[in-house]
Protein backbone atom coordinates (compact mmCIF):
# COMPACT_ATOMS: atom_id res chain seq x y z
CA MET A 1 31.90 -4.01 -4.39
CA ARG A 2 33.55 -7.42 -4.41
CA GLU A 3 36.35 -6.33 -2.09
CA MET A 4 33.89 -4.60 0.24
CA ARG A 5 31.85 -7.81 0.36
CA HIS A 6 34.94 -9.87 1.27
CA VAL A 7 35.99 -7.46 4.01
CA LEU A 8 32.52 -7.31 5.54
CA ILE A 9 32.27 -11.11 5.55
CA ASP A 10 35.82 -11.94 6.66
CA THR A 11 36.51 -9.11 9.09
CA PHE A 12 33.11 -8.19 10.47
CA GLU A 13 31.34 -11.57 10.13
CA VAL A 14 28.46 -10.14 8.12
CA THR A 15 26.45 -12.75 6.26
CA GLU A 16 26.74 -12.53 2.48
CA GLN A 17 23.00 -12.33 1.84
CA ASP A 18 22.76 -9.23 4.08
CA ILE A 19 25.27 -7.30 1.96
CA GLN A 20 23.22 -5.29 -0.50
CA PRO A 21 24.11 -1.90 -2.00
CA ASN A 22 21.41 -0.13 0.03
CA ALA A 23 22.17 -1.99 3.28
CA ASP A 24 22.91 0.36 6.15
CA LEU A 25 26.32 -0.46 7.59
CA PHE A 26 25.10 0.16 11.13
CA ALA A 27 21.39 -0.68 11.28
CA ASP A 28 21.37 -3.56 8.80
CA LEU A 29 24.87 -5.03 9.08
CA GLY A 30 25.54 -4.41 12.76
CA LEU A 31 28.74 -2.38 12.51
CA ASP A 32 29.46 0.11 15.27
CA SER A 33 31.59 3.26 15.29
CA ILE A 34 34.78 1.34 16.10
CA ASP A 35 34.07 -1.06 13.22
CA ALA A 36 33.62 1.93 10.90
CA VAL A 37 37.04 3.28 11.90
CA ASP A 38 38.54 -0.17 11.41
CA LEU A 39 36.93 -0.36 7.97
CA VAL A 40 38.46 2.97 6.93
CA ILE A 41 41.89 1.98 8.26
CA LEU A 42 41.74 -1.42 6.56
CA PHE A 43 40.87 0.05 3.18
CA GLY A 44 43.49 2.74 3.63
CA GLN A 45 46.07 0.02 4.07
CA LYS A 46 44.73 -1.95 1.11
CA LEU A 47 44.84 1.14 -1.10
CA GLY A 48 48.15 2.40 0.26
CA LYS A 49 46.54 5.74 1.03
CA GLN A 50 45.88 7.80 4.12
CA ILE A 51 42.10 8.15 4.35
CA ASP A 52 40.59 11.05 6.24
CA GLN A 53 38.17 9.41 8.68
CA ASP A 54 36.08 12.57 8.95
CA SER A 55 35.18 12.32 5.27
CA PHE A 56 33.56 8.95 5.97
CA LYS A 57 31.38 10.05 8.90
CA THR A 58 28.33 10.64 6.70
CA ILE A 59 28.54 7.29 4.91
CA ARG A 60 25.77 4.94 5.87
CA THR A 61 25.25 2.37 3.13
CA VAL A 62 27.45 -0.21 1.47
CA GLN A 63 27.07 1.59 -1.86
CA GLU A 64 28.11 4.95 -0.38
CA ALA A 65 31.23 3.31 1.07
CA VAL A 66 32.09 1.68 -2.25
CA GLU A 67 31.60 4.96 -4.13
CA ALA A 68 33.73 6.90 -1.63
CA LEU A 69 36.56 4.38 -1.87
CA HIS A 70 36.31 4.34 -5.65
CA ALA A 71 36.59 8.13 -5.69
CA LEU A 72 39.77 7.87 -3.61
CA VAL A 73 41.30 5.50 -6.11
CA VAL A 74 40.25 7.51 -9.15
CA ASP A 75 40.78 11.04 -7.79
CA GLY A 76 43.70 10.23 -5.55
């Protein structure tokens, strides 16, 4: 969650108080579809993994994104 918070603040200029686990990435935090792709690519680079962007199309909240990225790290 900490890394997600830093990326949202530094890259997408989201205010820290808006970043809550149940915050919707699009409706609450103002990301658009291009930002979502950028987020997936950025975390793929940070993790050193190729992330399938289609698997992230259903993710809407900060918590869902964190859980999906955690699963990639744990499950490979």
